[in-house]
């Protein structure tokens, strides 16, 4: 079994994915950019006790913009358990 990511590493992966999303050609691209930047800002200060909130925000963002969230970026139960145990 691969070693679980740290909470910081997971947040960095999410930010990298969000930054990589193209916004060219999108109708209302300024709204897309604002929403993406808001999620990135939240991730910078995110603690484990806010994990469900950011996952809900990511789900809503992806649903609204018809994006497929990469399943390999979803944290495993083991990762979440370790993050809470360490108090990340």
PDB file of N, CA and C in Angstrom:
ATOM      1  N   UNK A   1       0.850  -1.180   0.000  1.00  0.00           N
ATOM      2  CA  UNK A   1       0.000   0.000   0.000  1.00  0.00           C
ATOM      3  C   UNK A   1       0.892   1.238   0.000  1.00  0.00           C
ATOM      4  N   UNK A   2       0.638   2.199  -0.876  1.00  0.00           N
ATOM      5  CA  UNK A   2       1.471   3.395  -0.909  1.00  0.00           C
ATOM      6  C   UNK A   2       1.313   4.210   0.372  1.00  0.00           C
ATOM      7  N   UNK A   3       2.373   4.926   0.710  1.00  0.00           N
ATOM      8  CA  UNK A   3       2.334   5.744   1.910  1.00  0.00           C
ATOM      9  C   UNK A   3       1.306   6.862   1.743  1.00  0.00           C
ATOM     10  N   UNK A   4       0.586   7.115   2.800  1.00  0.00           N
ATOM     11  CA  UNK A   4      -0.440   8.158   2.756  1.00  0.00           C
ATOM     12  C   UNK A   4       0.209   9.529   2.614  1.00  0.00           C
ATOM     13  N   UNK A   5      -0.454  10.391   1.861  1.00  0.00           N
ATOM     14  CA  UNK A   5       0.030  11.766   1.700  1.00  0.00           C
ATOM     15  C   UNK A   5      -0.165  12.534   2.999  1.00  0.00           C
ATOM     16  N   UNK A   6       0.678  13.513   3.199  1.00  0.00           N
ATOM     17  CA  UNK A   6       0.438  14.436   4.304  1.00  0.00           C
ATOM     18  C   UNK A   6      -0.694  15.368   3.887  1.00  0.00           C
ATOM     19  N   UNK A   7      -1.273  16.017   4.852  1.00  0.00           N
ATOM     20  CA  UNK A   7      -2.359  16.955   4.575  1.00  0.00           C
ATOM     21  C   UNK A   7      -1.848  18.097   3.700  1.00  0.00           C
ATOM     22  N   UNK A   8      -0.655  18.582   3.991  1.00  0.00           N
ATOM     23  CA  UNK A   8      -0.062  19.668   3.188  1.00  0.00           C
ATOM     24  C   UNK A   8       0.185  19.231   1.755  1.00  0.00           C
ATOM     25  N   UNK A   9       0.669  18.003   1.577  1.00  0.00           N
ATOM     26  CA  UNK A   9       0.920  17.490   0.225  1.00  0.00           C
ATOM     27  C   UNK A   9      -0.389  17.366  -0.546  1.00  0.00           C
ATOM     28  N   UNK A  10      -1.437  16.900   0.129  1.00  0.00           N
ATOM     29  CA  UNK A  10      -2.736  16.781  -0.533  1.00  0.00           C
ATOM     30  C   UNK A  10      -3.242  18.149  -0.975  1.00  0.00           C
ATOM     31  N   UNK A  11      -3.143  19.145  -0.083  1.00  0.00           N
ATOM     32  CA  UNK A  11      -3.595  20.494  -0.438  1.00  0.00           C
ATOM     33  C   UNK A  11      -2.801  21.032  -1.627  1.00  0.00           C
ATOM     34  N   UNK A  12      -1.503  20.771  -1.658  1.00  0.00           N
ATOM     35  CA  UNK A  12      -0.667  21.225  -2.779  1.00  0.00           C
ATOM     36  C   UNK A  12      -1.095  20.578  -4.090  1.00  0.00           C
ATOM     37  N   UNK A  13      -1.453  19.295  -4.041  1.00  0.00           N
ATOM     38  CA  UNK A  13      -1.916  18.596  -5.243  1.00  0.00           C
ATOM     39  C   UNK A  13      -3.217  19.211  -5.766  1.00  0.00           C
ATOM     40  N   UNK A  14      -4.120  19.552  -4.856  1.00  0.00           N
ATOM     41  CA  UNK A  14      -5.390  20.162  -5.256  1.00  0.00           C
ATOM     42  C   UNK A  14      -5.135  21.534  -5.888  1.00  0.00           C
ATOM     43  N   UNK A  15      -4.275  22.334  -5.262  1.00  0.00           N
ATOM     44  CA  UNK A  15      -3.959  23.663  -5.802  1.00  0.00           C
ATOM     45  C   UNK A  15      -3.339  23.528  -7.185  1.00  0.00           C
ATOM     46  N   UNK A  16      -2.413  22.595  -7.352  1.00  0.00           N
ATOM     47  CA  UNK A  16      -1.780  22.389  -8.663  1.00  0.00           C
ATOM     48  C   UNK A  16      -2.813  22.021  -9.717  1.00  0.00           C
ATOM     49  N   UNK A  17      -3.744  21.140  -9.356  1.00  0.00           N
ATOM     50  CA  UNK A  17      -4.791  20.751 -10.298  1.00  0.00           C
ATOM     51  C   UNK A  17      -5.664  21.951 -10.664  1.00  0.00           C
ATOM     52  N   UNK A  18      -6.065  22.728  -9.665  1.00  0.00           N
ATOM     53  CA  UNK A  18      -6.906  23.897  -9.930  1.00  0.00           C
ATOM     54  C   UNK A  18      -6.198  24.902 -10.834  1.00  0.00           C
ATOM     55  N   UNK A  19      -4.926  25.135 -10.572  1.00  0.00           N
ATOM     56  CA  UNK A  19      -4.158  26.084 -11.381  1.00  0.00           C
ATOM     57  C   UNK A  19      -4.034  25.592 -12.821  1.00  0.00           C
ATOM     58  N   UNK A  20      -3.966  24.285 -12.997  1.00  0.00           N
ATOM     59  CA  UNK A  20      -3.787  23.721 -14.338  1.00  0.00           C
ATOM     60  C   UNK A  20      -5.050  23.778 -15.201  1.00  0.00           C
ATOM     61  N   UNK A  21      -6.195  24.057 -14.587  1.00  0.00           N
ATOM     62  CA  UNK A  21      -7.447  24.086 -15.347  1.00  0.00           C
ATOM     63  C   UNK A  21      -7.460  25.263 -16.312  1.00  0.00           C
ATOM     64  N   UNK A  22      -7.710  24.992 -17.582  1.00  0.00           N
ATOM     65  CA  UNK A  22      -7.778  26.098 -18.544  1.00  0.00           C
ATOM     66  C   UNK A  22      -9.095  26.856 -18.395  1.00  0.00           C
ATOM     67  N   UNK A  23      -9.028  28.154 -18.524  1.00  0.00           N
ATOM     68  CA  UNK A  23     -10.264  28.919 -18.473  1.00  0.00           C
ATOM     69  C   UNK A  23     -10.540  29.635 -19.789  1.00  0.00           C
ATOM     70  N   UNK A  24      -9.663  29.457 -20.759  1.00  0.00           N
ATOM     71  CA  UNK A  24      -9.861  30.090 -22.064  1.00  0.00           C
ATOM     72  C   UNK A  24     -11.114  29.546 -22.736  1.00  0.00           C
ATOM     73  N   UNK A  25     -11.868  30.450 -23.313  1.00  0.00           N
ATOM     74  CA  UNK A  25     -13.052  30.040 -24.056  1.00  0.00           C
ATOM     75  C   UNK A  25     -14.268  29.787 -23.194  1.00  0.00           C
ATOM     76  N   UNK A  26     -14.112  29.891 -21.887  1.00  0.00           N
ATOM     77  CA  UNK A  26     -15.269  29.688 -21.019  1.00  0.00           C
ATOM     78  C   UNK A  26     -16.115  30.954 -20.992  1.00  0.00           C
ATOM     79  N   UNK A  27     -17.400  30.748 -21.071  1.00  0.00           N
ATOM     80  CA  UNK A  27     -18.304  31.876 -20.871  1.00  0.00           C
ATOM     81  C   UNK A  27     -18.176  32.269 -19.397  1.00  0.00           C
ATOM     82  N   UNK A  28     -18.137  33.522 -19.115  1.00  0.00           N
ATOM     83  CA  UNK A  28     -17.989  34.008 -17.737  1.00  0.00           C
ATOM     84  C   UNK A  28     -16.685  33.530 -17.099  1.00  0.00           C
ATOM     85  N   UNK A  29     -15.597  33.581 -17.850  1.00  0.00           N
ATOM     86  CA  UNK A  29     -14.325  33.076 -17.329  1.00  0.00           C
ATOM     87  C   UNK A  29     -13.859  33.838 -16.091  1.00  0.00           C
ATOM     88  N   UNK A  30     -14.268  35.095 -15.946  1.00  0.00           N
ATOM     89  CA  UNK A  30     -13.879  35.841 -14.745  1.00  0.00           C
ATOM     90  C   UNK A  30     -14.522  35.237 -13.494  1.00  0.00           C
ATOM     91  N   UNK A  31     -15.741  34.699 -13.627  1.00  0.00           N
ATOM     92  CA  UNK A  31     -16.403  34.039 -12.503  1.00  0.00           C
ATOM     93  C   UNK A  31     -15.660  32.751 -12.165  1.00  0.00           C
ATOM     94  N   UNK A  32     -15.291  31.990 -13.197  1.00  0.00           N
ATOM     95  CA  UNK A  32     -14.515  30.769 -13.010  1.00  0.00           C
ATOM     96  C   UNK A  32     -13.231  31.092 -12.245  1.00  0.00           C
ATOM     97  N   UNK A  33     -12.525  32.123 -12.693  1.00  0.00           N
ATOM     98  CA  UNK A  33     -11.259  32.527 -12.078  1.00  0.00           C
ATOM     99  C   UNK A  33     -11.457  32.936 -10.614  1.00  0.00           C
ATOM    100  N   UNK A  34     -12.496  33.693 -10.340  1.00  0.00           N
ATOM    101  CA  UNK A  34     -12.773  34.117  -8.967  1.00  0.00           C
ATOM    102  C   UNK A  34     -13.097  32.930  -8.068  1.00  0.00           C
ATOM    103  N   UNK A  35     -13.901  32.004  -8.563  1.00  0.00           N
ATOM    104  CA  UNK A  35     -14.257  30.828  -7.768  1.00  0.00           C
ATOM    105  C   UNK A  35     -13.031  29.957  -7.521  1.00  0.00           C
ATOM    106  N   UNK A  36     -12.240  29.745  -8.556  1.00  0.00           N
ATOM    107  CA  UNK A  36     -11.021  28.941  -8.421  1.00  0.00           C
ATOM    108  C   UNK A  36     -10.084  29.592  -7.405  1.00  0.00           C
ATOM    109  N   UNK A  37      -9.878  30.893  -7.502  1.00  0.00           N
ATOM    110  CA  UNK A  37      -8.985  31.591  -6.579  1.00  0.00           C
ATOM    111  C   UNK A  37      -9.497  31.565  -5.144  1.00  0.00           C
ATOM    112  N   UNK A  38     -10.812  31.602  -4.968  1.00  0.00           N
ATOM    113  CA  UNK A  38     -11.388  31.521  -3.628  1.00  0.00           C
ATOM    114  C   UNK A  38     -11.103  30.160  -3.001  1.00  0.00           C
ATOM    115  N   UNK A  39     -11.222  29.093  -3.777  1.00  0.00           N
ATOM    116  CA  UNK A  39     -10.928  27.752  -3.263  1.00  0.00           C
ATOM    117  C   UNK A  39      -9.444  27.639  -2.931  1.00  0.00           C
ATOM    118  N   UNK A  40      -8.581  28.155  -3.790  1.00  0.00           N
ATOM    119  CA  UNK A  40      -7.137  28.113  -3.539  1.00  0.00           C
ATOM    120  C   UNK A  40      -6.804  28.878  -2.257  1.00  0.00           C
ATOM    121  N   UNK A  41      -7.409  30.045  -2.064  1.00  0.00           N
ATOM    122  CA  UNK A  41      -7.170  30.825  -0.845  1.00  0.00           C
ATOM    123  C   UNK A  41      -7.625  30.055   0.393  1.00  0.00           C
ATOM    124  N   UNK A  42      -8.774  29.402   0.301  1.00  0.00           N
ATOM    125  CA  UNK A  42      -9.270  28.602   1.423  1.00  0.00           C
ATOM    126  C   UNK A  42      -8.316  27.459   1.728  1.00  0.00           C
ATOM    127  N   UNK A  43      -7.786  26.816   0.700  1.00  0.00           N
ATOM    128  CA  UNK A  43      -6.868  25.695   0.907  1.00  0.00           C
ATOM    129  C   UNK A  43      -5.606  26.121   1.652  1.00  0.00           C
ATOM    130  N   UNK A  44      -5.154  27.325   1.456  1.00  0.00           N
ATOM    131  CA  UNK A  44      -3.933  27.796   2.123  1.00  0.00           C
ATOM    132  C   UNK A  44      -4.084  27.798   3.641  1.00  0.00           C
ATOM    133  N   UNK A  45      -5.292  28.056   4.132  1.00  0.00           N
ATOM    134  CA  UNK A  45      -5.530  28.157   5.577  1.00  0.00           C
ATOM    135  C   UNK A  45      -6.341  26.988   6.123  1.00  0.00           C
ATOM    136  N   UNK A  46      -6.585  26.008   5.291  1.00  0.00           N
ATOM    137  CA  UNK A  46      -7.452  24.888   5.647  1.00  0.00           C
ATOM    138  C   UNK A  46      -6.836  24.010   6.726  1.00  0.00           C
ATOM    139  N   UNK A  47      -7.652  23.672   7.703  1.00  0.00           N
ATOM    140  CA  UNK A  47      -7.294  22.708   8.740  1.00  0.00           C
ATOM    141  C   UNK A  47      -8.184  21.482   8.534  1.00  0.00           C
ATOM    142  N   UNK A  48      -7.797  20.376   9.148  1.00  0.00           N
ATOM    143  CA  UNK A  48      -8.561  19.143   8.946  1.00  0.00           C
ATOM    144  C   UNK A  48     -10.016  19.276   9.374  1.00  0.00           C
ATOM    145  N   UNK A  49     -10.304  20.129  10.360  1.00  0.00           N
ATOM    146  CA  UNK A  49     -11.694  20.247  10.809  1.00  0.00           C
ATOM    147  C   UNK A  49     -12.581  20.918   9.764  1.00  0.00           C
ATOM    148  N   UNK A  50     -11.982  21.454   8.690  1.00  0.00           N
ATOM    149  CA  UNK A  50     -12.740  22.069   7.601  1.00  0.00           C
ATOM    150  C   UNK A  50     -12.728  21.204   6.342  1.00  0.00           C
ATOM    151  N   UNK A  51     -12.260  19.976   6.463  1.00  0.00           N
ATOM    152  CA  UNK A  51     -12.101  19.109   5.297  1.00  0.00           C
ATOM    153  C   UNK A  51     -13.418  18.876   4.562  1.00  0.00           C
ATOM    154  N   UNK A  52     -14.478  18.603   5.290  1.00  0.00           N
ATOM    155  CA  UNK A  52     -15.757  18.344   4.614  1.00  0.00           C
ATOM    156  C   UNK A  52     -16.237  19.580   3.863  1.00  0.00           C
ATOM    157  N   UNK A  53     -15.952  20.763   4.402  1.00  0.00           N
ATOM    158  CA  UNK A  53     -16.360  22.000   3.722  1.00  0.00           C
ATOM    159  C   UNK A  53     -15.640  22.158   2.392  1.00  0.00           C
ATOM    160  N   UNK A  54     -14.325  21.962   2.373  1.00  0.00           N
ATOM    161  CA  UNK A  54     -13.586  22.171   1.126  1.00  0.00           C
ATOM    162  C   UNK A  54     -13.939  21.092   0.109  1.00  0.00           C
ATOM    163  N   UNK A  55     -14.185  19.864   0.561  1.00  0.00           N
ATOM    164  CA  UNK A  55     -14.597  18.820  -0.379  1.00  0.00           C
ATOM    165  C   UNK A  55     -15.955  19.173  -0.991  1.00  0.00           C
ATOM    166  N   UNK A  56     -16.853  19.730  -0.182  1.00  0.00           N
ATOM    167  CA  UNK A  56     -18.154  20.169  -0.704  1.00  0.00           C
ATOM    168  C   UNK A  56     -17.973  21.324  -1.688  1.00  0.00           C
ATOM    169  N   UNK A  57     -17.083  22.264  -1.356  1.00  0.00           N
ATOM    170  CA  UNK A  57     -16.809  23.386  -2.267  1.00  0.00           C
ATOM    171  C   UNK A  57     -16.235  22.892  -3.589  1.00  0.00           C
ATOM    172  N   UNK A  58     -15.310  21.949  -3.518  1.00  0.00           N
ATOM    173  CA  UNK A  58     -14.718  21.396  -4.742  1.00  0.00           C
ATOM    174  C   UNK A  58     -15.771  20.678  -5.582  1.00  0.00           C
ATOM    175  N   UNK A  59     -16.641  19.917  -4.914  1.00  0.00           N
ATOM    176  CA  UNK A  59     -17.713  19.212  -5.627  1.00  0.00           C
ATOM    177  C   UNK A  59     -18.640  20.210  -6.324  1.00  0.00           C
ATOM    178  N   UNK A  60     -19.028  21.257  -5.613  1.00  0.00           N
ATOM    179  CA  UNK A  60     -19.915  22.265  -6.192  1.00  0.00           C
ATOM    180  C   UNK A  60     -19.239  22.971  -7.366  1.00  0.00           C
ATOM    181  N   UNK A  61     -17.974  23.330  -7.222  1.00  0.00           N
ATOM    182  CA  UNK A  61     -17.213  23.992  -8.281  1.00  0.00           C
ATOM    183  C   UNK A  61     -17.148  23.108  -9.520  1.00  0.00           C
ATOM    184  N   UNK A  62     -16.797  21.835  -9.318  1.00  0.00           N
ATOM    185  CA  UNK A  62     -16.685  20.909 -10.455  1.00  0.00           C
ATOM    186  C   UNK A  62     -18.043  20.666 -11.109  1.00  0.00           C
ATOM    187  N   UNK A  63     -19.082  20.537 -10.308  1.00  0.00           N
ATOM    188  CA  UNK A  63     -20.420  20.323 -10.865  1.00  0.00           C
ATOM    189  C   UNK A  63     -20.881  21.528 -11.670  1.00  0.00           C
ATOM    190  N   UNK A  64     -20.685  22.713 -11.126  1.00  0.00           N
ATOM    191  CA  UNK A  64     -21.128  23.927 -11.799  1.00  0.00           C
ATOM    192  C   UNK A  64     -20.421  24.112 -13.137  1.00  0.00           C
ATOM    193  N   UNK A  65     -19.113  23.835 -13.180  1.00  0.00           N
ATOM    194  CA  UNK A  65     -18.325  24.057 -14.393  1.00  0.00           C
ATOM    195  C   UNK A  65     -18.190  22.794 -15.235  1.00  0.00           C
ATOM    196  N   UNK A  66     -18.914  21.728 -14.869  1.00  0.00           N
ATOM    197  CA  UNK A  66     -18.890  20.468 -15.612  1.00  0.00           C
ATOM    198  C   UNK A  66     -17.464  19.931 -15.752  1.00  0.00           C
ATOM    199  N   UNK A  67     -16.772  19.843 -14.608  1.00  0.00           N
ATOM    200  CA  UNK A  67     -15.401  19.329 -14.564  1.00  0.00           C
ATOM    201  C   UNK A  67     -15.391  17.965 -13.893  1.00  0.00           C
ATOM    202  N   UNK A  68     -14.507  17.107 -14.340  1.00  0.00           N
ATOM    203  CA  UNK A  68     -14.301  15.816 -13.688  1.00  0.00           C
ATOM    204  C   UNK A  68     -13.197  15.974 -12.661  1.00  0.00           C
ATOM    205  N   UNK A  69     -13.542  15.757 -11.392  1.00  0.00           N
ATOM    206  CA  UNK A  69     -12.534  15.827 -10.341  1.00  0.00           C
ATOM    207  C   UNK A  69     -11.730  14.534 -10.376  1.00  0.00           C
ATOM    208  N   UNK A  70     -10.403  14.623 -10.451  1.00  0.00           N
ATOM    209  CA  UNK A  70      -9.581  13.408 -10.534  1.00  0.00           C
ATOM    210  C   UNK A  70      -9.725  12.554  -9.269  1.00  0.00           C
ATOM    211  N   UNK A  71     -10.142  11.328  -9.438  1.00  0.00           N
ATOM    212  CA  UNK A  71     -10.384  10.461  -8.284  1.00  0.00           C
ATOM    213  C   UNK A  71      -9.120  10.211  -7.467  1.00  0.00           C
ATOM    214  N   UNK A  72      -7.948  10.274  -8.103  1.00  0.00           N
ATOM    215  CA  UNK A  72      -6.720  10.053  -7.343  1.00  0.00           C
ATOM    216  C   UNK A  72      -6.405  11.216  -6.400  1.00  0.00           C
ATOM    217  N   UNK A  73      -7.111  12.322  -6.540  1.00  0.00           N
ATOM    218  CA  UNK A  73      -6.922  13.443  -5.625  1.00  0.00           C
ATOM    219  C   UNK A  73      -7.829  13.359  -4.400  1.00  0.00           C
ATOM    220  N   UNK A  74      -8.808  12.471  -4.436  1.00  0.00           N
ATOM    221  CA  UNK A  74      -9.651  12.291  -3.259  1.00  0.00           C
ATOM    222  C   UNK A  74      -8.832  11.615  -2.164  1.00  0.00           C
ATOM    223  N   UNK A  75      -8.900  12.134  -0.954  1.00  0.00           N
ATOM    224  CA  UNK A  75      -8.140  11.496   0.121  1.00  0.00           C
ATOM    225  C   UNK A  75      -8.777  10.160   0.504  1.00  0.00           C
ATOM    226  N   UNK A  76      -7.933   9.207   0.840  1.00  0.00           N
ATOM    227  CA  UNK A  76      -8.439   7.912   1.293  1.00  0.00           C
ATOM    228  C   UNK A  76      -8.880   8.027   2.754  1.00  0.00           C
ATOM    229  N   UNK A  77      -9.652   7.071   3.196  1.00  0.00           N
ATOM    230  CA  UNK A  77     -10.075   7.058   4.604  1.00  0.00           C
ATOM    231  C   UNK A  77      -8.862   6.997   5.526  1.00  0.00           C
ATOM    232  N   UNK A  78      -7.860   6.227   5.111  1.00  0.00           N
ATOM    233  CA  UNK A  78      -6.639   6.105   5.911  1.00  0.00           C
ATOM    234  C   UNK A  78      -5.923   7.450   6.013  1.00  0.00           C
ATOM    235  N   UNK A  79      -5.836   8.166   4.904  1.00  0.00           N
ATOM    236  CA  UNK A  79      -5.191   9.484   4.927  1.00  0.00           C
ATOM    237  C   UNK A  79      -5.937  10.431   5.861  1.00  0.00           C
ATOM    238  N   UNK A  80      -7.252  10.464   5.741  1.00  0.00           N
ATOM    239  CA  UNK A  80      -8.054  11.349   6.587  1.00  0.00           C
ATOM    240  C   UNK A  80      -7.869  10.993   8.055  1.00  0.00           C
ATOM    241  N   UNK A  81      -7.900   9.704   8.349  1.00  0.00           N
ATOM    242  CA  UNK A  81      -7.706   9.260   9.739  1.00  0.00           C
ATOM    243  C   UNK A  81      -6.371   9.755  10.266  1.00  0.00           C
ATOM    244  N   UNK A  82      -5.295   9.592   9.491  1.00  0.00           N
ATOM    245  CA  UNK A  82      -3.960  10.033   9.926  1.00  0.00           C
ATOM    246  C   UNK A  82      -3.894  11.546  10.099  1.00  0.00           C
ATOM    247  N   UNK A  83      -4.534  12.272   9.195  1.00  0.00           N
ATOM    248  CA  UNK A  83      -4.523  13.739   9.309  1.00  0.00           C
ATOM    249  C   UNK A  83      -5.164  14.179  10.619  1.00  0.00           C
ATOM    250  N   UNK A  84      -6.292  13.544  10.975  1.00  0.00           N
ATOM    251  CA  UNK A  84      -6.966  13.911  12.216  1.00  0.00           C
ATOM    252  C   UNK A  84      -6.162  13.469  13.432  1.00  0.00           C
ATOM    253  N   UNK A  85      -5.527  12.303  13.360  1.00  0.00           N
ATOM    254  CA  UNK A  85      -4.699  11.837  14.472  1.00  0.00           C
ATOM    255  C   UNK A  85      -3.535  12.783  14.738  1.00  0.00           C
ATOM    256  N   UNK A  86      -2.934  13.282  13.660  1.00  0.00           N
ATOM    257  CA  UNK A  86      -1.786  14.191  13.802  1.00  0.00           C
ATOM    258  C   UNK A  86      -2.224  15.619  14.089  1.00  0.00           C
ATOM    259  N   UNK A  87      -3.490  15.909  13.896  1.00  0.00           N
ATOM    260  CA  UNK A  87      -3.988  17.256  14.138  1.00  0.00           C
ATOM    261  C   UNK A  87      -3.529  18.265  13.115  1.00  0.00           C
ATOM    262  N   UNK A  88      -3.374  17.810  11.864  1.00  0.00           N
ATOM    263  CA  UNK A  88      -2.937  18.722  10.790  1.00  0.00           C
ATOM    264  C   UNK A  88      -3.906  19.866  10.605  1.00  0.00           C
TER     265      UNK A  88
END
